[in-house]
Amino acid sequence: MEEIYRQRIKRLQQNMAEQKVDAFLILTGADYFYFTGDARRQPRAIIPRDGEPVLLTFASEVEEAREATGLSEVIPYRGLHEMM
């Protein structure tokens, strides 16, 4: 993951700690790209107050998402009903 995205995540996590927010749920392409630098058909991610972000992606895109973002925690799903 490029440094600019790590800095954005770190700044978000600092704000979350100040506001006592446990997690930030990403559901839009713009937010997903802002924090990861990647584009997905169904962009989904969770940024916890502490630790690394978790990506949720189609099972066929797991390796692609890992390579594109540099993040290791990727949870696959085969259909939107599994994602929910």
PDB file of N, CA and C in Angstrom:
ATOM      1  N   MET A   1       0.855  -1.178   0.000  1.00  0.00           N
ATOM      2  CA  MET A   1       0.000   0.000   0.000  1.00  0.00           C
ATOM      3  C   MET A   1       0.896   1.234   0.000  1.00  0.00           C
ATOM      4  N   GLU A   2       0.543   2.169  -0.850  1.00  0.00           N
ATOM      5  CA  GLU A   2       1.307   3.401  -0.930  1.00  0.00           C
ATOM      6  C   GLU A   2       1.153   4.214   0.348  1.00  0.00           C
ATOM      7  N   GLU A   3       2.157   4.992   0.632  1.00  0.00           N
ATOM      8  CA  GLU A   3       2.206   5.760   1.874  1.00  0.00           C
ATOM      9  C   GLU A   3       1.030   6.733   2.008  1.00  0.00           C
ATOM     10  N   ILE A   4       0.606   7.337   0.925  1.00  0.00           N
ATOM     11  CA  ILE A   4      -0.495   8.304   1.020  1.00  0.00           C
ATOM     12  C   ILE A   4      -1.770   7.648   1.543  1.00  0.00           C
ATOM     13  N   TYR A   5      -2.025   6.409   1.149  1.00  0.00           N
ATOM     14  CA  TYR A   5      -3.231   5.712   1.623  1.00  0.00           C
ATOM     15  C   TYR A   5      -3.077   5.308   3.084  1.00  0.00           C
ATOM     16  N   ARG A   6      -1.889   4.897   3.465  1.00  0.00           N
ATOM     17  CA  ARG A   6      -1.630   4.578   4.881  1.00  0.00           C
ATOM     18  C   ARG A   6      -1.836   5.817   5.754  1.00  0.00           C
ATOM     19  N   GLN A   7      -1.363   6.962   5.269  1.00  0.00           N
ATOM     20  CA  GLN A   7      -1.541   8.209   6.029  1.00  0.00           C
ATOM     21  C   GLN A   7      -3.008   8.576   6.161  1.00  0.00           C
ATOM     22  N   ARG A   8      -3.775   8.395   5.097  1.00  0.00           N
ATOM     23  CA  ARG A   8      -5.209   8.694   5.144  1.00  0.00           C
ATOM     24  C   ARG A   8      -5.919   7.797   6.147  1.00  0.00           C
ATOM     25  N   ILE A   9      -5.565   6.515   6.140  1.00  0.00           N
ATOM     26  CA  ILE A   9      -6.164   5.571   7.083  1.00  0.00           C
ATOM     27  C   ILE A   9      -5.772   5.924   8.515  1.00  0.00           C
ATOM     28  N   LYS A  10      -4.519   6.247   8.712  1.00  0.00           N
ATOM     29  CA  LYS A  10      -4.049   6.603  10.055  1.00  0.00           C
ATOM     30  C   LYS A  10      -4.757   7.858  10.565  1.00  0.00           C
ATOM     31  N   ARG A  11      -4.922   8.854   9.702  1.00  0.00           N
ATOM     32  CA  ARG A  11      -5.616  10.083  10.093  1.00  0.00           C
ATOM     33  C   ARG A  11      -7.082   9.788  10.436  1.00  0.00           C
ATOM     34  N   LEU A  12      -7.720   8.944   9.631  1.00  0.00           N
ATOM     35  CA  LEU A  12      -9.094   8.536   9.932  1.00  0.00           C
ATOM     36  C   LEU A  12      -9.169   7.831  11.283  1.00  0.00           C
ATOM     37  N   GLN A  13      -8.243   6.906  11.534  1.00  0.00           N
ATOM     38  CA  GLN A  13      -8.246   6.162  12.795  1.00  0.00           C
ATOM     39  C   GLN A  13      -8.025   7.086  13.992  1.00  0.00           C
ATOM     40  N   GLN A  14      -7.202   8.098  13.826  1.00  0.00           N
ATOM     41  CA  GLN A  14      -7.003   9.069  14.905  1.00  0.00           C
ATOM     42  C   GLN A  14      -8.308   9.820  15.192  1.00  0.00           C
ATOM     43  N   ASN A  15      -8.991  10.221  14.123  1.00  0.00           N
ATOM     44  CA  ASN A  15     -10.282  10.907  14.291  1.00  0.00           C
ATOM     45  C   ASN A  15     -11.309   9.984  14.927  1.00  0.00           C
ATOM     46  N   MET A  16     -11.306   8.731  14.532  1.00  0.00           N
ATOM     47  CA  MET A  16     -12.229   7.754  15.111  1.00  0.00           C
ATOM     48  C   MET A  16     -11.972   7.592  16.601  1.00  0.00           C
ATOM     49  N   ALA A  17     -10.710   7.539  16.992  1.00  0.00           N
ATOM     50  CA  ALA A  17     -10.368   7.400  18.415  1.00  0.00           C
ATOM     51  C   ALA A  17     -10.860   8.616  19.198  1.00  0.00           C
ATOM     52  N   GLU A  18     -10.672   9.803  18.627  1.00  0.00           N
ATOM     53  CA  GLU A  18     -11.119  11.023  19.298  1.00  0.00           C
ATOM     54  C   GLU A  18     -12.637  11.060  19.459  1.00  0.00           C
ATOM     55  N   GLN A  19     -13.349  10.541  18.464  1.00  0.00           N
ATOM     56  CA  GLN A  19     -14.806  10.572  18.468  1.00  0.00           C
ATOM     57  C   GLN A  19     -15.436   9.303  19.070  1.00  0.00           C
ATOM     58  N   LYS A  20     -14.564   8.378  19.506  1.00  0.00           N
ATOM     59  CA  LYS A  20     -15.013   7.103  20.077  1.00  0.00           C
ATOM     60  C   LYS A  20     -15.854   6.280  19.094  1.00  0.00           C
ATOM     61  N   VAL A  21     -15.381   6.230  17.856  1.00  0.00           N
ATOM     62  CA  VAL A  21     -16.011   5.438  16.796  1.00  0.00           C
ATOM     63  C   VAL A  21     -15.207   4.157  16.635  1.00  0.00           C
ATOM     64  N   ASP A  22     -15.882   3.015  16.607  1.00  0.00           N
ATOM     65  CA  ASP A  22     -15.192   1.728  16.534  1.00  0.00           C
ATOM     66  C   ASP A  22     -14.722   1.353  15.134  1.00  0.00           C
ATOM     67  N   ALA A  23     -15.519   1.690  14.120  1.00  0.00           N
ATOM     68  CA  ALA A  23     -15.171   1.275  12.755  1.00  0.00           C
ATOM     69  C   ALA A  23     -15.806   2.214  11.739  1.00  0.00           C
ATOM     70  N   PHE A  24     -15.180   2.264  10.565  1.00  0.00           N
ATOM     71  CA  PHE A  24     -15.662   3.063   9.447  1.00  0.00           C
ATOM     72  C   PHE A  24     -15.987   2.098   8.320  1.00  0.00           C
ATOM     73  N   LEU A  25     -17.221   2.094   7.882  1.00  0.00           N
ATOM     74  CA  LEU A  25     -17.673   1.192   6.831  1.00  0.00           C
ATOM     75  C   LEU A  25     -17.644   1.927   5.500  1.00  0.00           C
ATOM     76  N   ILE A  26     -16.942   1.355   4.534  1.00  0.00           N
ATOM     77  CA  ILE A  26     -16.846   1.950   3.206  1.00  0.00           C
ATOM     78  C   ILE A  26     -17.793   1.217   2.269  1.00  0.00           C
ATOM     79  N   LEU A  27     -18.684   1.989   1.638  1.00  0.00           N
ATOM     80  CA  LEU A  27     -19.676   1.417   0.733  1.00  0.00           C
ATOM     81  C   LEU A  27     -19.697   2.111  -0.634  1.00  0.00           C
ATOM     82  N   THR A  28     -18.884   3.131  -0.816  1.00  0.00           N
ATOM     83  CA  THR A  28     -18.891   3.862  -2.087  1.00  0.00           C
ATOM     84  C   THR A  28     -17.535   3.741  -2.784  1.00  0.00           C
ATOM     85  N   GLY A  29     -17.584   3.817  -4.093  1.00  0.00           N
ATOM     86  CA  GLY A  29     -16.356   3.745  -4.879  1.00  0.00           C
ATOM     87  C   GLY A  29     -15.394   4.875  -4.562  1.00  0.00           C
ATOM     88  N   ALA A  30     -15.931   6.071  -4.349  1.00  0.00           N
ATOM     89  CA  ALA A  30     -15.075   7.226  -4.058  1.00  0.00           C
ATOM     90  C   ALA A  30     -14.316   7.039  -2.744  1.00  0.00           C
ATOM     91  N   ASP A  31     -15.016   6.598  -1.689  1.00  0.00           N
ATOM     92  CA  ASP A  31     -14.348   6.374  -0.398  1.00  0.00           C
ATOM     93  C   ASP A  31     -13.353   5.227  -0.501  1.00  0.00           C
ATOM     94  N   TYR A  32     -13.741   4.154  -1.178  1.00  0.00           N
ATOM     95  CA  TYR A  32     -12.857   2.994  -1.334  1.00  0.00           C
ATOM     96  C   TYR A  32     -11.571   3.415  -2.041  1.00  0.00           C
ATOM     97  N   PHE A  33     -11.701   4.155  -3.116  1.00  0.00           N
ATOM     98  CA  PHE A  33     -10.520   4.605  -3.854  1.00  0.00           C
ATOM     99  C   PHE A  33      -9.679   5.552  -3.005  1.00  0.00           C
ATOM    100  N   TYR A  34     -10.312   6.458  -2.268  1.00  0.00           N
ATOM    101  CA  TYR A  34      -9.595   7.423  -1.438  1.00  0.00           C
ATOM    102  C   TYR A  34      -8.700   6.730  -0.412  1.00  0.00           C
ATOM    103  N   PHE A  35      -9.192   5.657   0.194  1.00  0.00           N
ATOM    104  CA  PHE A  35      -8.438   4.985   1.249  1.00  0.00           C
ATOM    105  C   PHE A  35      -7.566   3.832   0.762  1.00  0.00           C
ATOM    106  N   THR A  36      -7.824   3.300  -0.447  1.00  0.00           N
ATOM    107  CA  THR A  36      -7.039   2.147  -0.921  1.00  0.00           C
ATOM    108  C   THR A  36      -6.307   2.391  -2.230  1.00  0.00           C
ATOM    109  N   GLY A  37      -6.777   3.343  -3.029  1.00  0.00           N
ATOM    110  CA  GLY A  37      -6.187   3.570  -4.344  1.00  0.00           C
ATOM    111  C   GLY A  37      -6.645   2.552  -5.373  1.00  0.00           C
ATOM    112  N   ASP A  38      -7.650   1.783  -5.043  1.00  0.00           N
ATOM    113  CA  ASP A  38      -8.139   0.707  -5.906  1.00  0.00           C
ATOM    114  C   ASP A  38      -9.602   0.971  -6.267  1.00  0.00           C
ATOM    115  N   ALA A  39     -10.026   0.374  -7.379  1.00  0.00           N
ATOM    116  CA  ALA A  39     -11.425   0.476  -7.798  1.00  0.00           C
ATOM    117  C   ALA A  39     -12.010  -0.927  -7.903  1.00  0.00           C
ATOM    118  N   ARG A  40     -13.199  -1.114  -7.370  1.00  0.00           N
ATOM    119  CA  ARG A  40     -13.904  -2.408  -7.394  1.00  0.00           C
ATOM    120  C   ARG A  40     -15.326  -2.192  -7.896  1.00  0.00           C
ATOM    121  N   ARG A  41     -15.928  -3.251  -8.414  1.00  0.00           N
ATOM    122  CA  ARG A  41     -17.329  -3.186  -8.846  1.00  0.00           C
ATOM    123  C   ARG A  41     -18.255  -2.990  -7.658  1.00  0.00           C
ATOM    124  N   GLN A  42     -18.011  -3.681  -6.581  1.00  0.00           N
ATOM    125  CA  GLN A  42     -18.793  -3.556  -5.352  1.00  0.00           C
ATOM    126  C   GLN A  42     -17.816  -3.222  -4.221  1.00  0.00           C
ATOM    127  N   PRO A  43     -17.411  -1.957  -4.104  1.00  0.00           N
ATOM    128  CA  PRO A  43     -16.393  -1.598  -3.111  1.00  0.00           C
ATOM    129  C   PRO A  43     -16.928  -1.708  -1.691  1.00  0.00           C
ATOM    130  N   ARG A  44     -16.270  -2.542  -0.899  1.00  0.00           N
ATOM    131  CA  ARG A  44     -16.648  -2.725   0.496  1.00  0.00           C
ATOM    132  C   ARG A  44     -15.380  -2.883   1.330  1.00  0.00           C
ATOM    133  N   ALA A  45     -15.323  -2.164   2.420  1.00  0.00           N
ATOM    134  CA  ALA A  45     -14.188  -2.285   3.328  1.00  0.00           C
ATOM    135  C   ALA A  45     -14.614  -1.810   4.706  1.00  0.00           C
ATOM    136  N   ILE A  46     -13.899  -2.288   5.696  1.00  0.00           N
ATOM    137  CA  ILE A  46     -14.104  -1.859   7.077  1.00  0.00           C
ATOM    138  C   ILE A  46     -12.748  -1.402   7.594  1.00  0.00           C
ATOM    139  N   ILE A  47     -12.718  -0.174   8.075  1.00  0.00           N
ATOM    140  CA  ILE A  47     -11.491   0.333   8.695  1.00  0.00           C
ATOM    141  C   ILE A  47     -11.764   0.394  10.197  1.00  0.00           C
ATOM    142  N   PRO A  48     -11.097  -0.457  10.958  1.00  0.00           N
ATOM    143  CA  PRO A  48     -11.302  -0.437  12.415  1.00  0.00           C
ATOM    144  C   PRO A  48     -10.528   0.732  13.037  1.00  0.00           C
ATOM    145  N   ARG A  49     -10.920   1.104  14.226  1.00  0.00           N
ATOM    146  CA  ARG A  49     -10.211   2.179  14.924  1.00  0.00           C
ATOM    147  C   ARG A  49      -8.741   1.810  15.127  1.00  0.00           C
ATOM    148  N   ASP A  50      -8.474   0.541  15.370  1.00  0.00           N
ATOM    149  CA  ASP A  50      -7.103   0.055  15.539  1.00  0.00           C
ATOM    150  C   ASP A  50      -6.873  -1.092  14.570  1.00  0.00           C
ATOM    151  N   GLY A  51      -5.732  -1.132  13.953  1.00  0.00           N
ATOM    152  CA  GLY A  51      -5.396  -2.250  13.081  1.00  0.00           C
ATOM    153  C   GLY A  51      -5.599  -1.953  11.611  1.00  0.00           C
ATOM    154  N   GLU A  52      -5.428  -3.004  10.824  1.00  0.00           N
ATOM    155  CA  GLU A  52      -5.491  -2.896   9.374  1.00  0.00           C
ATOM    156  C   GLU A  52      -6.929  -2.971   8.855  1.00  0.00           C
ATOM    157  N   PRO A  53      -7.196  -2.298   7.735  1.00  0.00           N
ATOM    158  CA  PRO A  53      -8.513  -2.412   7.104  1.00  0.00           C
ATOM    159  C   PRO A  53      -8.795  -3.835   6.643  1.00  0.00           C
ATOM    160  N   VAL A  54     -10.073  -4.142   6.539  1.00  0.00           N
ATOM    161  CA  VAL A  54     -10.538  -5.432   6.041  1.00  0.00           C
ATOM    162  C   VAL A  54     -11.323  -5.149   4.763  1.00  0.00           C
ATOM    163  N   LEU A  55     -10.954  -5.838   3.686  1.00  0.00           N
ATOM    164  CA  LEU A  55     -11.671  -5.689   2.426  1.00  0.00           C
ATOM    165  C   LEU A  55     -12.650  -6.838   2.267  1.00  0.00           C
ATOM    166  N   LEU A  56     -13.787  -6.566   1.666  1.00  0.00           N
ATOM    167  CA  LEU A  56     -14.752  -7.605   1.299  1.00  0.00           C
ATOM    168  C   LEU A  56     -14.873  -7.525  -0.216  1.00  0.00           C
ATOM    169  N   THR A  57     -14.626  -8.645  -0.893  1.00  0.00           N
ATOM    170  CA  THR A  57     -14.635  -8.616  -2.347  1.00  0.00           C
ATOM    171  C   THR A  57     -15.122  -9.941  -2.915  1.00  0.00           C
ATOM    172  N   PHE A  58     -15.538  -9.902  -4.175  1.00  0.00           N
ATOM    173  CA  PHE A  58     -15.942 -11.137  -4.841  1.00  0.00           C
ATOM    174  C   PHE A  58     -14.807 -12.150  -4.750  1.00  0.00           C
ATOM    175  N   ALA A  59     -15.141 -13.408  -4.578  1.00  0.00           N
ATOM    176  CA  ALA A  59     -14.137 -14.466  -4.424  1.00  0.00           C
ATOM    177  C   ALA A  59     -13.157 -14.483  -5.588  1.00  0.00           C
ATOM    178  N   SER A  60     -13.618 -14.165  -6.771  1.00  0.00           N
ATOM    179  CA  SER A  60     -12.742 -14.174  -7.947  1.00  0.00           C
ATOM    180  C   SER A  60     -11.770 -13.002  -7.980  1.00  0.00           C
ATOM    181  N   GLU A  61     -11.929 -12.021  -7.082  1.00  0.00           N
ATOM    182  CA  GLU A  61     -11.084 -10.830  -7.081  1.00  0.00           C
ATOM    183  C   GLU A  61     -10.161 -10.726  -5.872  1.00  0.00           C
ATOM    184  N   VAL A  62     -10.089 -11.769  -5.059  1.00  0.00           N
ATOM    185  CA  VAL A  62      -9.322 -11.700  -3.810  1.00  0.00           C
ATOM    186  C   VAL A  62      -7.862 -11.357  -4.063  1.00  0.00           C
ATOM    187  N   GLU A  63      -7.192 -12.127  -4.887  1.00  0.00           N
ATOM    188  CA  GLU A  63      -5.762 -11.884  -5.128  1.00  0.00           C
ATOM    189  C   GLU A  63      -5.542 -10.532  -5.795  1.00  0.00           C
ATOM    190  N   GLU A  64      -6.409 -10.190  -6.728  1.00  0.00           N
ATOM    191  CA  GLU A  64      -6.309  -8.896  -7.406  1.00  0.00           C
ATOM    192  C   GLU A  64      -6.437  -7.750  -6.405  1.00  0.00           C
ATOM    193  N   ALA A  65      -7.380  -7.864  -5.469  1.00  0.00           N
ATOM    194  CA  ALA A  65      -7.576  -6.828  -4.451  1.00  0.00           C
ATOM    195  C   ALA A  65      -6.363  -6.740  -3.523  1.00  0.00           C
ATOM    196  N   ARG A  66      -5.809  -7.880  -3.134  1.00  0.00           N
ATOM    197  CA  ARG A  66      -4.613  -7.878  -2.276  1.00  0.00           C
ATOM    198  C   ARG A  66      -3.451  -7.181  -2.977  1.00  0.00           C
ATOM    199  N   GLU A  67      -3.228  -7.530  -4.238  1.00  0.00           N
ATOM    200  CA  GLU A  67      -2.122  -6.937  -4.994  1.00  0.00           C
ATOM    201  C   GLU A  67      -2.343  -5.444  -5.216  1.00  0.00           C
ATOM    202  N   ALA A  68      -3.565  -5.047  -5.525  1.00  0.00           N
ATOM    203  CA  ALA A  68      -3.861  -3.647  -5.831  1.00  0.00           C
ATOM    204  C   ALA A  68      -3.757  -2.747  -4.604  1.00  0.00           C
ATOM    205  N   THR A  69      -4.085  -3.284  -3.423  1.00  0.00           N
ATOM    206  CA  THR A  69      -4.117  -2.459  -2.215  1.00  0.00           C
ATOM    207  C   THR A  69      -2.929  -2.682  -1.284  1.00  0.00           C
ATOM    208  N   GLY A  70      -2.306  -3.846  -1.382  1.00  0.00           N
ATOM    209  CA  GLY A  70      -1.241  -4.175  -0.445  1.00  0.00           C
ATOM    210  C   GLY A  70      -1.761  -4.628   0.906  1.00  0.00           C
ATOM    211  N   LEU A  71      -3.066  -4.824   1.020  1.00  0.00           N
ATOM    212  CA  LEU A  71      -3.670  -5.280   2.272  1.00  0.00           C
ATOM    213  C   LEU A  71      -3.825  -6.793   2.241  1.00  0.00           C
ATOM    214  N   SER A  72      -3.642  -7.430   3.370  1.00  0.00           N
ATOM    215  CA  SER A  72      -3.699  -8.891   3.404  1.00  0.00           C
ATOM    216  C   SER A  72      -5.050  -9.432   3.868  1.00  0.00           C
ATOM    217  N   GLU A  73      -5.799  -8.643   4.620  1.00  0.00           N
ATOM    218  CA  GLU A  73      -7.079  -9.112   5.160  1.00  0.00           C
ATOM    219  C   GLU A  73      -8.188  -8.861   4.147  1.00  0.00           C
ATOM    220  N   VAL A  74      -8.490  -9.894   3.359  1.00  0.00           N
ATOM    221  CA  VAL A  74      -9.528  -9.806   2.326  1.00  0.00           C
ATOM    222  C   VAL A  74     -10.505 -10.961   2.537  1.00  0.00           C
ATOM    223  N   ILE A  75     -11.758 -10.630   2.741  1.00  0.00           N
ATOM    224  CA  ILE A  75     -12.789 -11.640   2.962  1.00  0.00           C
ATOM    225  C   ILE A  75     -13.588 -11.799   1.669  1.00  0.00           C
ATOM    226  N   PRO A  76     -13.587 -13.012   1.110  1.00  0.00           N
ATOM    227  CA  PRO A  76     -14.299 -13.213  -0.161  1.00  0.00           C
ATOM    228  C   PRO A  76     -15.774 -13.527   0.035  1.00  0.00           C
ATOM    229  N   TYR A  77     -16.554 -13.214  -0.988  1.00  0.00           N
ATOM    230  CA  TYR A  77     -17.952 -13.635  -1.045  1.00  0.00           C
ATOM    231  C   TYR A  77     -18.281 -13.969  -2.495  1.00  0.00           C
ATOM    232  N   ARG A  78     -19.244 -14.844  -2.698  1.00  0.00           N
ATOM    233  CA  ARG A  78     -19.610 -15.295  -4.044  1.00  0.00           C
ATOM    234  C   ARG A  78     -20.833 -14.582  -4.596  1.00  0.00           C
ATOM    235  N   GLY A  79     -21.581 -13.942  -3.748  1.00  0.00           N
ATOM    236  CA  GLY A  79     -22.764 -13.211  -4.168  1.00  0.00           C
ATOM    237  C   GLY A  79     -23.096 -12.148  -3.153  1.00  0.00           C
ATOM    238  N   LEU A  80     -23.880 -11.184  -3.563  1.00  0.00           N
ATOM    239  CA  LEU A  80     -24.214 -10.079  -2.661  1.00  0.00           C
ATOM    240  C   LEU A  80     -24.928 -10.558  -1.398  1.00  0.00           C
ATOM    241  N   HIS A  81     -25.694 -11.650  -1.511  1.00  0.00           N
ATOM    242  CA  HIS A  81     -26.384 -12.160  -0.320  1.00  0.00           C
ATOM    243  C   HIS A  81     -25.382 -12.625   0.737  1.00  0.00           C
ATOM    244  N   GLU A  82     -24.206 -13.131   0.338  1.00  0.00           N
ATOM    245  CA  GLU A  82     -23.169 -13.531   1.311  1.00  0.00           C
ATOM    246  C   GLU A  82     -22.506 -12.314   1.949  1.00  0.00           C
ATOM    247  N   MET A  83     -22.388 -11.250   1.185  1.00  0.00           N
ATOM    248  CA  MET A  83     -21.737 -10.058   1.698  1.00  0.00           C
ATOM    249  C   MET A  83     -22.565  -9.457   2.838  1.00  0.00           C
ATOM    250  N   MET A  84     -23.874  -9.534   2.707  1.00  0.00           N
ATOM    251  CA  MET A  84     -24.732  -8.937   3.720  1.00  0.00           C
ATOM    252  C   MET A  84     -24.632  -9.715   5.001  1.00  0.00           C
TER     253      MET A  84
END
